[in-house]
Amino acid sequence: LQKGGSSLDAVEAGAMVPEADPADMSVGYGGLPDRDGKVTLDA
């Protein structure tokens, strides 16, 4: 936002952080899998 980005740019940038964080086991990379061991994502 401070760089002049839109609100759309801001929410995408914000969401990308936990998506790439292996310590966050509920989103994206590092997420806990389904019962078959597959990590499936919704957004």
PDB file of all heavy atoms in Angstrom:
ATOM      1  N   LEU A   1       0.823  -1.206   0.000  1.00  0.00           N
ATOM      2  CA  LEU A   1       0.000   0.000   0.000  1.00  0.00           C
ATOM      3  C   LEU A   1       0.858   1.258   0.000  1.00  0.00           C
ATOM      4  O   LEU A   1       0.564   2.237  -0.696  1.00  0.00           O
ATOM      5  CB  LEU A   1      -0.931   0.009   1.210  1.00  0.00           C
ATOM      6  CG  LEU A   1      -2.039  -1.047   1.237  1.00  0.00           C
ATOM      7  CD1 LEU A   1      -2.734  -1.047   2.591  1.00  0.00           C
ATOM      8  CD2 LEU A   1      -3.049  -0.803   0.114  1.00  0.00           C
ATOM      9  N   GLN A   2       1.931   1.240   0.780  1.00  0.00           N
ATOM     10  CA  GLN A   2       2.802   2.406   0.887  1.00  0.00           C
ATOM     11  C   GLN A   2       3.541   2.685  -0.413  1.00  0.00           C
ATOM     12  O   GLN A   2       3.950   3.822  -0.678  1.00  0.00           O
ATOM     13  CB  GLN A   2       3.796   2.213   2.036  1.00  0.00           C
ATOM     14  CG  GLN A   2       3.153   2.186   3.407  1.00  0.00           C
ATOM     15  CD  GLN A   2       2.340   3.441   3.689  1.00  0.00           C
ATOM     16  OE1 GLN A   2       2.887   4.541   3.761  1.00  0.00           O
ATOM     17  NE2 GLN A   2       1.035   3.281   3.845  1.00  0.00           N
ATOM     18  N   LYS A   3       3.727   1.667  -1.216  1.00  0.00           N
ATOM     19  CA  LYS A   3       4.390   1.835  -2.508  1.00  0.00           C
ATOM     20  C   LYS A   3       3.404   2.226  -3.603  1.00  0.00           C
ATOM     21  O   LYS A   3       3.765   2.285  -4.779  1.00  0.00           O
ATOM     22  CB  LYS A   3       5.109   0.543  -2.892  1.00  0.00           C
ATOM     23  CG  LYS A   3       6.299   0.218  -1.999  1.00  0.00           C
ATOM     24  CD  LYS A   3       6.929  -1.111  -2.398  1.00  0.00           C
ATOM     25  CE  LYS A   3       8.111  -1.462  -1.504  1.00  0.00           C
ATOM     26  NZ  LYS A   3       8.694  -2.794  -1.859  1.00  0.00           N
ATOM     27  N   GLY A   4       2.164   2.480  -3.217  1.00  0.00           N
ATOM     28  CA  GLY A   4       1.155   2.874  -4.186  1.00  0.00           C
ATOM     29  C   GLY A   4       0.327   1.734  -4.720  1.00  0.00           C
ATOM     30  O   GLY A   4      -0.471   1.918  -5.653  1.00  0.00           O
ATOM     31  N   GLY A   5       0.495   0.552  -4.150  1.00  0.00           N
ATOM     32  CA  GLY A   5      -0.280  -0.591  -4.594  1.00  0.00           C
ATOM     33  C   GLY A   5      -1.752  -0.460  -4.239  1.00  0.00           C
ATOM     34  O   GLY A   5      -2.132   0.262  -3.321  1.00  0.00           O
ATOM     35  N   SER A   6      -2.571  -1.156  -4.978  1.00  0.00           N
ATOM     36  CA  SER A   6      -4.009  -1.162  -4.719  1.00  0.00           C
ATOM     37  C   SER A   6      -4.336  -2.086  -3.559  1.00  0.00           C
ATOM     38  O   SER A   6      -3.494  -2.871  -3.098  1.00  0.00           O
ATOM     39  CB  SER A   6      -4.758  -1.633  -5.967  1.00  0.00           C
ATOM     40  OG  SER A   6      -4.459  -3.000  -6.222  1.00  0.00           O
ATOM     41  N   SER A   7      -5.562  -2.024  -3.107  1.00  0.00           N
ATOM     42  CA  SER A   7      -5.996  -2.949  -2.059  1.00  0.00           C
ATOM     43  C   SER A   7      -5.883  -4.387  -2.545  1.00  0.00           C
ATOM     44  O   SER A   7      -5.577  -5.294  -1.764  1.00  0.00           O
ATOM     45  CB  SER A   7      -7.431  -2.635  -1.628  1.00  0.00           C
ATOM     46  OG  SER A   7      -8.311  -2.600  -2.745  1.00  0.00           O
ATOM     47  N   LEU A   8      -6.091  -4.614  -3.838  1.00  0.00           N
ATOM     48  CA  LEU A   8      -5.953  -5.958  -4.397  1.00  0.00           C
ATOM     49  C   LEU A   8      -4.506  -6.426  -4.307  1.00  0.00           C
ATOM     50  O   LEU A   8      -4.238  -7.571  -3.925  1.00  0.00           O
ATOM     51  CB  LEU A   8      -6.427  -5.972  -5.851  1.00  0.00           C
ATOM     52  CG  LEU A   8      -6.511  -7.352  -6.507  1.00  0.00           C
ATOM     53  CD1 LEU A   8      -7.645  -8.171  -5.899  1.00  0.00           C
ATOM     54  CD2 LEU A   8      -6.703  -7.216  -8.016  1.00  0.00           C
ATOM     55  N   ASP A   9      -3.582  -5.556  -4.656  1.00  0.00           N
ATOM     56  CA  ASP A   9      -2.162  -5.890  -4.531  1.00  0.00           C
ATOM     57  C   ASP A   9      -1.817  -6.228  -3.084  1.00  0.00           C
ATOM     58  O   ASP A   9      -1.054  -7.152  -2.805  1.00  0.00           O
ATOM     59  CB  ASP A   9      -1.286  -4.721  -4.988  1.00  0.00           C
ATOM     60  CG  ASP A   9      -1.451  -4.391  -6.460  1.00  0.00           C
ATOM     61  OD1 ASP A   9      -1.702  -5.316  -7.248  1.00  0.00           O
ATOM     62  OD2 ASP A   9      -1.333  -3.199  -6.804  1.00  0.00           O
ATOM     63  N   ALA A  10      -2.379  -5.462  -2.154  1.00  0.00           N
ATOM     64  CA  ALA A  10      -2.057  -5.624  -0.735  1.00  0.00           C
ATOM     65  C   ALA A  10      -2.541  -6.960  -0.188  1.00  0.00           C
ATOM     66  O   ALA A  10      -1.816  -7.643   0.538  1.00  0.00           O
ATOM     67  CB  ALA A  10      -2.651  -4.477   0.074  1.00  0.00           C
ATOM     68  N   VAL A  11      -3.778  -7.346  -0.528  1.00  0.00           N
ATOM     69  CA  VAL A  11      -4.285  -8.610   0.028  1.00  0.00           C
ATOM     70  C   VAL A  11      -3.565  -9.803  -0.586  1.00  0.00           C
ATOM     71  O   VAL A  11      -3.344 -10.816   0.079  1.00  0.00           O
ATOM     72  CB  VAL A  11      -5.818  -8.752  -0.131  1.00  0.00           C
ATOM     73  CG1 VAL A  11      -6.536  -7.666   0.660  1.00  0.00           C
ATOM     74  CG2 VAL A  11      -6.249  -8.723  -1.595  1.00  0.00           C
ATOM     75  N   GLU A  12      -3.178  -9.691  -1.858  1.00  0.00           N
ATOM     76  CA  GLU A  12      -2.398 -10.772  -2.457  1.00  0.00           C
ATOM     77  C   GLU A  12      -1.040 -10.890  -1.778  1.00  0.00           C
ATOM     78  O   GLU A  12      -0.601 -11.994  -1.422  1.00  0.00           O
ATOM     79  CB  GLU A  12      -2.199 -10.535  -3.951  1.00  0.00           C
ATOM     80  CG  GLU A  12      -1.394 -11.645  -4.627  1.00  0.00           C
ATOM     81  CD  GLU A  12      -1.075 -11.380  -6.081  1.00  0.00           C
ATOM     82  OE1 GLU A  12      -1.214 -10.221  -6.525  1.00  0.00           O
ATOM     83  OE2 GLU A  12      -0.674 -12.337  -6.769  1.00  0.00           O
ATOM     84  N   ALA A  13      -0.383  -9.746  -1.578  1.00  0.00           N
ATOM     85  CA  ALA A  13       0.928  -9.759  -0.922  1.00  0.00           C
ATOM     86  C   ALA A  13       0.837 -10.326   0.482  1.00  0.00           C
ATOM     87  O   ALA A  13       1.695 -11.097   0.925  1.00  0.00           O
ATOM     88  CB  ALA A  13       1.505  -8.346  -0.886  1.00  0.00           C
ATOM     89  N   GLY A  14      -0.224  -9.954   1.198  1.00  0.00           N
ATOM     90  CA  GLY A  14      -0.401 -10.462   2.552  1.00  0.00           C
ATOM     91  C   GLY A  14      -0.648 -11.952   2.586  1.00  0.00           C
ATOM     92  O   GLY A  14      -0.063 -12.683   3.396  1.00  0.00           O
ATOM     93  N   ALA A  15      -1.491 -12.452   1.689  1.00  0.00           N
ATOM     94  CA  ALA A  15      -1.818 -13.878   1.666  1.00  0.00           C
ATOM     95  C   ALA A  15      -0.631 -14.729   1.255  1.00  0.00           C
ATOM     96  O   ALA A  15      -0.496 -15.880   1.684  1.00  0.00           O
ATOM     97  CB  ALA A  15      -2.992 -14.127   0.723  1.00  0.00           C
ATOM     98  N   MET A  16       0.239 -14.181   0.440  1.00  0.00           N
ATOM     99  CA  MET A  16       1.394 -14.947  -0.036  1.00  0.00           C
ATOM    100  C   MET A  16       2.370 -15.293   1.085  1.00  0.00           C
ATOM    101  O   MET A  16       3.099 -16.282   0.990  1.00  0.00           O
ATOM    102  CB  MET A  16       2.131 -14.168  -1.131  1.00  0.00           C
ATOM    103  CG  MET A  16       1.370 -14.102  -2.445  1.00  0.00           C
ATOM    104  SD  MET A  16       2.216 -13.065  -3.677  1.00  0.00           S
ATOM    105  CE  MET A  16       3.629 -14.110  -4.073  1.00  0.00           C
ATOM    106  N   VAL A  17       2.369 -14.493   2.143  1.00  0.00           N
ATOM    107  CA  VAL A  17       3.318 -14.734   3.233  1.00  0.00           C
ATOM    108  C   VAL A  17       3.061 -16.076   3.925  1.00  0.00           C
ATOM    109  O   VAL A  17       3.960 -16.926   3.996  1.00  0.00           O
ATOM    110  CB  VAL A  17       3.313 -13.573   4.239  1.00  0.00           C
ATOM    111  CG1 VAL A  17       4.157 -13.911   5.461  1.00  0.00           C
ATOM    112  CG2 VAL A  17       3.824 -12.293   3.577  1.00  0.00           C
ATOM    113  N   PRO A  18       1.865 -16.323   4.458  1.00  0.00           N
ATOM    114  CA  PRO A  18       1.644 -17.637   5.083  1.00  0.00           C
ATOM    115  C   PRO A  18       1.660 -18.780   4.077  1.00  0.00           C
ATOM    116  O   PRO A  18       1.977 -19.920   4.437  1.00  0.00           O
ATOM    117  CB  PRO A  18       0.273 -17.490   5.752  1.00  0.00           C
ATOM    118  CG  PRO A  18      -0.391 -16.375   5.025  1.00  0.00           C
ATOM    119  CD  PRO A  18       0.702 -15.436   4.643  1.00  0.00           C
ATOM    120  N   GLU A  19       1.315 -18.508   2.828  1.00  0.00           N
ATOM    121  CA  GLU A  19       1.348 -19.568   1.816  1.00  0.00           C
ATOM    122  C   GLU A  19       2.758 -20.140   1.659  1.00  0.00           C
ATOM    123  O   GLU A  19       2.912 -21.324   1.356  1.00  0.00           O
ATOM    124  CB  GLU A  19       0.868 -19.024   0.463  1.00  0.00           C
ATOM    125  CG  GLU A  19      -0.629 -18.821   0.377  1.00  0.00           C
ATOM    126  CD  GLU A  19      -1.079 -18.329  -0.982  1.00  0.00           C
ATOM    127  OE1 GLU A  19      -0.234 -17.771  -1.731  1.00  0.00           O
ATOM    128  OE2 GLU A  19      -2.274 -18.495  -1.306  1.00  0.00           O
ATOM    129  N   ALA A  20       3.762 -19.302   1.849  1.00  0.00           N
ATOM    130  CA  ALA A  20       5.147 -19.744   1.652  1.00  0.00           C
ATOM    131  C   ALA A  20       5.863 -20.069   2.949  1.00  0.00           C
ATOM    132  O   ALA A  20       7.051 -20.385   2.942  1.00  0.00           O
ATOM    133  CB  ALA A  20       5.925 -18.658   0.903  1.00  0.00           C
ATOM    134  N   ASP A  21       5.141 -20.021   4.073  1.00  0.00           N
ATOM    135  CA  ASP A  21       5.745 -20.225   5.385  1.00  0.00           C
ATOM    136  C   ASP A  21       5.564 -21.674   5.843  1.00  0.00           C
ATOM    137  O   ASP A  21       4.454 -22.078   6.187  1.00  0.00           O
ATOM    138  CB  ASP A  21       5.111 -19.266   6.394  1.00  0.00           C
ATOM    139  CG  ASP A  21       5.744 -19.356   7.767  1.00  0.00           C
ATOM    140  OD1 ASP A  21       6.684 -20.171   7.950  1.00  0.00           O
ATOM    141  OD2 ASP A  21       5.310 -18.610   8.666  1.00  0.00           O
ATOM    142  N   PRO A  22       6.625 -22.465   5.904  1.00  0.00           N
ATOM    143  CA  PRO A  22       6.485 -23.865   6.314  1.00  0.00           C
ATOM    144  C   PRO A  22       6.080 -24.027   7.772  1.00  0.00           C
ATOM    145  O   PRO A  22       5.635 -25.096   8.174  1.00  0.00           O
ATOM    146  CB  PRO A  22       7.878 -24.447   6.060  1.00  0.00           C
ATOM    147  CG  PRO A  22       8.799 -23.277   6.132  1.00  0.00           C
ATOM    148  CD  PRO A  22       8.023 -22.132   5.563  1.00  0.00           C
ATOM    149  N   ALA A  23       6.218 -22.952   8.556  1.00  0.00           N
ATOM    150  CA  ALA A  23       5.818 -23.026   9.964  1.00  0.00           C
ATOM    151  C   ALA A  23       4.306 -22.924  10.117  1.00  0.00           C
ATOM    152  O   ALA A  23       3.756 -23.281  11.156  1.00  0.00           O
ATOM    153  CB  ALA A  23       6.502 -21.914  10.764  1.00  0.00           C
ATOM    154  N   ASP A  24       3.632 -22.417   9.101  1.00  0.00           N
ATOM    155  CA  ASP A  24       2.171 -22.311   9.125  1.00  0.00           C
ATOM    156  C   ASP A  24       1.608 -23.574   8.494  1.00  0.00           C
ATOM    157  O   ASP A  24       1.625 -23.739   7.277  1.00  0.00           O
ATOM    158  CB  ASP A  24       1.715 -21.075   8.359  1.00  0.00           C
ATOM    159  CG  ASP A  24       0.235 -20.793   8.540  1.00  0.00           C
ATOM    160  OD1 ASP A  24      -0.531 -21.761   8.730  1.00  0.00           O
ATOM    161  OD2 ASP A  24      -0.149 -19.615   8.507  1.00  0.00           O
ATOM    162  N   MET A  25       1.124 -24.478   9.320  1.00  0.00           N
ATOM    163  CA  MET A  25       0.724 -25.787   8.841  1.00  0.00           C
ATOM    164  C   MET A  25      -0.737 -25.865   8.423  1.00  0.00           C
ATOM    165  O   MET A  25      -1.327 -26.947   8.321  1.00  0.00           O
ATOM    166  CB  MET A  25       1.039 -26.855   9.889  1.00  0.00           C
ATOM    167  CG  MET A  25       2.505 -26.850  10.306  1.00  0.00           C
ATOM    168  SD  MET A  25       3.006 -28.292  11.254  1.00  0.00           S
ATOM    169  CE  MET A  25       3.141 -29.511   9.930  1.00  0.00           C
ATOM    170  N   SER A  26      -1.329 -24.692   8.142  1.00  0.00           N
ATOM    171  CA  SER A  26      -2.714 -24.689   7.698  1.00  0.00           C
ATOM    172  C   SER A  26      -2.879 -24.004   6.352  1.00  0.00           C
ATOM    173  O   SER A  26      -3.979 -23.926   5.833  1.00  0.00           O
ATOM    174  CB  SER A  26      -3.592 -23.973   8.729  1.00  0.00           C
ATOM    175  OG  SER A  26      -3.220 -22.613   8.828  1.00  0.00           O
ATOM    176  N   VAL A  27      -1.776 -23.501   5.811  1.00  0.00           N
ATOM    177  CA  VAL A  27      -1.841 -22.765   4.552  1.00  0.00           C
ATOM    178  C   VAL A  27      -0.644 -23.118   3.677  1.00  0.00           C
ATOM    179  O   VAL A  27       0.495 -23.055   4.131  1.00  0.00           O
ATOM    180  CB  VAL A  27      -1.841 -21.242   4.801  1.00  0.00           C
ATOM    181  CG1 VAL A  27      -1.894 -20.491   3.471  1.00  0.00           C
ATOM    182  CG2 VAL A  27      -3.011 -20.839   5.682  1.00  0.00           C
ATOM    183  N   GLY A  28      -0.887 -23.504   2.441  1.00  0.00           N
ATOM    184  CA  GLY A  28       0.165 -23.619   1.446  1.00  0.00           C
ATOM    185  C   GLY A  28       1.308 -24.556   1.796  1.00  0.00           C
ATOM    186  O   GLY A  28       1.116 -25.657   2.331  1.00  0.00           O
ATOM    187  N   TYR A  29       2.522 -24.106   1.516  1.00  0.00           N
ATOM    188  CA  TYR A  29       3.727 -24.884   1.741  1.00  0.00           C
ATOM    189  C   TYR A  29       3.852 -25.238   3.225  1.00  0.00           C
ATOM    190  O   TYR A  29       3.852 -24.362   4.087  1.00  0.00           O
ATOM    191  CB  TYR A  29       4.938 -24.067   1.297  1.00  0.00           C
ATOM    192  CG  TYR A  29       6.271 -24.741   1.488  1.00  0.00           C
ATOM    193  CD1 TYR A  29       6.559 -25.939   0.850  1.00  0.00           C
ATOM    194  CD2 TYR A  29       7.248 -24.163   2.295  1.00  0.00           C
ATOM    195  CE1 TYR A  29       7.791 -26.560   1.006  1.00  0.00           C
ATOM    196  CE2 TYR A  29       8.483 -24.770   2.466  1.00  0.00           C
ATOM    197  CZ  TYR A  29       8.750 -25.961   1.822  1.00  0.00           C
ATOM    198  OH  TYR A  29       9.964 -26.568   1.989  1.00  0.00           O
ATOM    199  N   GLY A  30       3.925 -26.514   3.517  1.00  0.00           N
ATOM    200  CA  GLY A  30       3.983 -26.954   4.908  1.00  0.00           C
ATOM    201  C   GLY A  30       2.637 -27.275   5.502  1.00  0.00           C
ATOM    202  O   GLY A  30       2.544 -27.722   6.645  1.00  0.00           O
ATOM    203  N   GLY A  31       1.569 -27.072   4.733  1.00  0.00           N
ATOM    204  CA  GLY A  31       0.229 -27.361   5.229  1.00  0.00           C
ATOM    205  C   GLY A  31       0.033 -28.838   5.516  1.00  0.00           C
ATOM    206  O   GLY A  31       0.622 -29.707   4.854  1.00  0.00           O
ATOM    207  N   LEU A  32      -0.797 -29.135   6.513  1.00  0.00           N
ATOM    208  CA  LEU A  32      -1.100 -30.536   6.806  1.00  0.00           C
ATOM    209  C   LEU A  32      -1.922 -31.138   5.672  1.00  0.00           C
ATOM    210  O   LEU A  32      -2.823 -30.486   5.145  1.00  0.00           O
ATOM    211  CB  LEU A  32      -1.850 -30.638   8.133  1.00  0.00           C
ATOM    212  CG  LEU A  32      -1.026 -30.283   9.375  1.00  0.00           C
ATOM    213  CD1 LEU A  32      -1.914 -30.195  10.608  1.00  0.00           C
ATOM    214  CD2 LEU A  32       0.093 -31.303   9.602  1.00  0.00           C
ATOM    215  N   PRO A  33      -1.640 -32.360   5.294  1.00  0.00           N
ATOM    216  CA  PRO A  33      -2.301 -32.962   4.136  1.00  0.00           C
ATOM    217  C   PRO A  33      -3.691 -33.499   4.450  1.00  0.00           C
ATOM    218  O   PRO A  33      -4.141 -33.482   5.601  1.00  0.00           O
ATOM    219  CB  PRO A  33      -1.354 -34.107   3.791  1.00  0.00           C
ATOM    220  CG  PRO A  33      -0.822 -34.540   5.124  1.00  0.00           C
ATOM    221  CD  PRO A  33      -0.635 -33.247   5.892  1.00  0.00           C
ATOM    222  N   ASP A  34      -4.338 -34.017   3.398  1.00  0.00           N
ATOM    223  CA  ASP A  34      -5.612 -34.705   3.597  1.00  0.00           C
ATOM    224  C   ASP A  34      -5.323 -36.134   4.052  1.00  0.00           C
ATOM    225  O   ASP A  34      -4.172 -36.509   4.286  1.00  0.00           O
ATOM    226  CB  ASP A  34      -6.471 -34.647   2.333  1.00  0.00           C
ATOM    227  CG  ASP A  34      -5.827 -35.330   1.126  1.00  0.00           C
ATOM    228  OD1 ASP A  34      -4.953 -36.208   1.317  1.00  0.00           O
ATOM    229  OD2 ASP A  34      -6.193 -35.001  -0.013  1.00  0.00           O
ATOM    230  N   ARG A  35      -6.351 -36.947   4.153  1.00  0.00           N
ATOM    231  CA  ARG A  35      -6.156 -38.288   4.716  1.00  0.00           C
ATOM    232  C   ARG A  35      -5.320 -39.190   3.813  1.00  0.00           C
ATOM    233  O   ARG A  35      -4.800 -40.213   4.253  1.00  0.00           O
ATOM    234  CB  ARG A  35      -7.508 -38.934   4.991  1.00  0.00           C
ATOM    235  CG  ARG A  35      -8.321 -39.299   3.769  1.00  0.00           C
ATOM    236  CD  ARG A  35      -9.631 -39.953   4.180  1.00  0.00           C
ATOM    237  NE  ARG A  35     -10.371 -40.430   3.025  1.00  0.00           N
ATOM    238  CZ  ARG A  35     -11.580 -40.991   3.103  1.00  0.00           C
ATOM    239  NH1 ARG A  35     -12.157 -41.130   4.294  1.00  0.00           N
ATOM    240  NH2 ARG A  35     -12.198 -41.404   2.024  1.00  0.00           N
ATOM    241  N   ASP A  36      -5.180 -38.784   2.536  1.00  0.00           N
ATOM    242  CA  ASP A  36      -4.359 -39.556   1.605  1.00  0.00           C
ATOM    243  C   ASP A  36      -2.942 -39.011   1.500  1.00  0.00           C
ATOM    244  O   ASP A  36      -2.160 -39.476   0.650  1.00  0.00           O
ATOM    245  CB  ASP A  36      -5.001 -39.552   0.218  1.00  0.00           C
ATOM    246  CG  ASP A  36      -6.316 -40.320   0.192  1.00  0.00           C
ATOM    247  OD1 ASP A  36      -6.599 -41.051   1.161  1.00  0.00           O
ATOM    248  OD2 ASP A  36      -7.060 -40.195  -0.797  1.00  0.00           O
ATOM    249  N   GLY A  37      -2.610 -38.036   2.326  1.00  0.00           N
ATOM    250  CA  GLY A  37      -1.267 -37.476   2.306  1.00  0.00           C
ATOM    251  C   GLY A  37      -1.035 -36.431   1.238  1.00  0.00           C
ATOM    252  O   GLY A  37       0.109 -36.095   0.926  1.00  0.00           O
ATOM    253  N   LYS A  38      -2.109 -35.878   0.679  1.00  0.00           N
ATOM    254  CA  LYS A  38      -2.012 -34.862  -0.357  1.00  0.00           C
ATOM    255  C   LYS A  38      -2.302 -33.477   0.225  1.00  0.00           C
ATOM    256  O   LYS A  38      -3.279 -33.307   0.951  1.00  0.00           O
ATOM    257  CB  LYS A  38      -3.008 -35.136  -1.489  1.00  0.00           C
ATOM    258  CG  LYS A  38      -2.894 -36.529  -2.102  1.00  0.00           C
ATOM    259  CD  LYS A  38      -1.637 -36.680  -2.920  1.00  0.00           C
ATOM    260  CE  LYS A  38      -1.626 -38.019  -3.648  1.00  0.00           C
ATOM    261  NZ  LYS A  38      -0.394 -38.198  -4.469  1.00  0.00           N
ATOM    262  N   VAL A  39      -1.445 -32.502  -0.096  1.00  0.00           N
ATOM    263  CA  VAL A  39      -1.702 -31.112   0.294  1.00  0.00           C
ATOM    264  C   VAL A  39      -2.496 -30.458  -0.823  1.00  0.00           C
ATOM    265  O   VAL A  39      -1.992 -30.258  -1.933  1.00  0.00           O
ATOM    266  CB  VAL A  39      -0.390 -30.337   0.522  1.00  0.00           C
ATOM    267  CG1 VAL A  39      -0.693 -28.891   0.911  1.00  0.00           C
ATOM    268  CG2 VAL A  39       0.438 -31.011   1.610  1.00  0.00           C
ATOM    269  N   THR A  40      -3.757 -30.156  -0.547  1.00  0.00           N
ATOM    270  CA  THR A  40      -4.621 -29.535  -1.552  1.00  0.00           C
ATOM    271  C   THR A  40      -5.038 -28.157  -1.069  1.00  0.00           C
ATOM    272  O   THR A  40      -5.376 -27.968   0.102  1.00  0.00           O
ATOM    273  CB  THR A  40      -5.864 -30.398  -1.843  1.00  0.00           C
ATOM    274  OG1 THR A  40      -6.670 -30.503  -0.675  1.00  0.00           O
ATOM    275  CG2 THR A  40      -5.447 -31.792  -2.304  1.00  0.00           C
ATOM    276  N   LEU A  41      -5.041 -27.201  -1.968  1.00  0.00           N
ATOM    277  CA  LEU A  41      -5.183 -25.804  -1.609  1.00  0.00           C
ATOM    278  C   LEU A  41      -6.429 -25.160  -2.214  1.00  0.00           C
ATOM    279  O   LEU A  41      -6.836 -25.491  -3.336  1.00  0.00           O
ATOM    280  CB  LEU A  41      -3.951 -25.030  -2.077  1.00  0.00           C
ATOM    281  CG  LEU A  41      -2.586 -25.627  -1.694  1.00  0.00           C
ATOM    282  CD1 LEU A  41      -1.463 -24.813  -2.305  1.00  0.00           C
ATOM    283  CD2 LEU A  41      -2.446 -25.693  -0.186  1.00  0.00           C
ATOM    284  N   ASP A  42      -6.996 -24.226  -1.466  1.00  0.00           N
ATOM    285  CA  ASP A  42      -8.140 -23.436  -1.915  1.00  0.00           C
ATOM    286  C   ASP A  42      -7.840 -21.963  -1.663  1.00  0.00           C
ATOM    287  O   ASP A  42      -7.242 -21.617  -0.639  1.00  0.00           O
ATOM    288  CB  ASP A  42      -9.412 -23.793  -1.131  1.00  0.00           C
ATOM    289  CG  ASP A  42      -9.764 -25.274  -1.181  1.00  0.00           C
ATOM    290  OD1 ASP A  42      -9.553 -25.889  -2.236  1.00  0.00           O
ATOM    291  OD2 ASP A  42     -10.251 -25.789  -0.160  1.00  0.00           O
ATOM    292  N   ALA A  43      -8.275 -21.097  -2.567  1.00  0.00           N
ATOM    293  CA  ALA A  43      -8.060 -19.665  -2.366  1.00  0.00           C
ATOM    294  C   ALA A  43      -9.023 -18.863  -3.229  1.00  0.00           C
ATOM    295  O   ALA A  43      -9.472 -19.334  -4.287  1.00  0.00           O
ATOM    296  CB  ALA A  43      -6.622 -19.276  -2.706  1.00  0.00           C
TER     297      ALA A  43
END
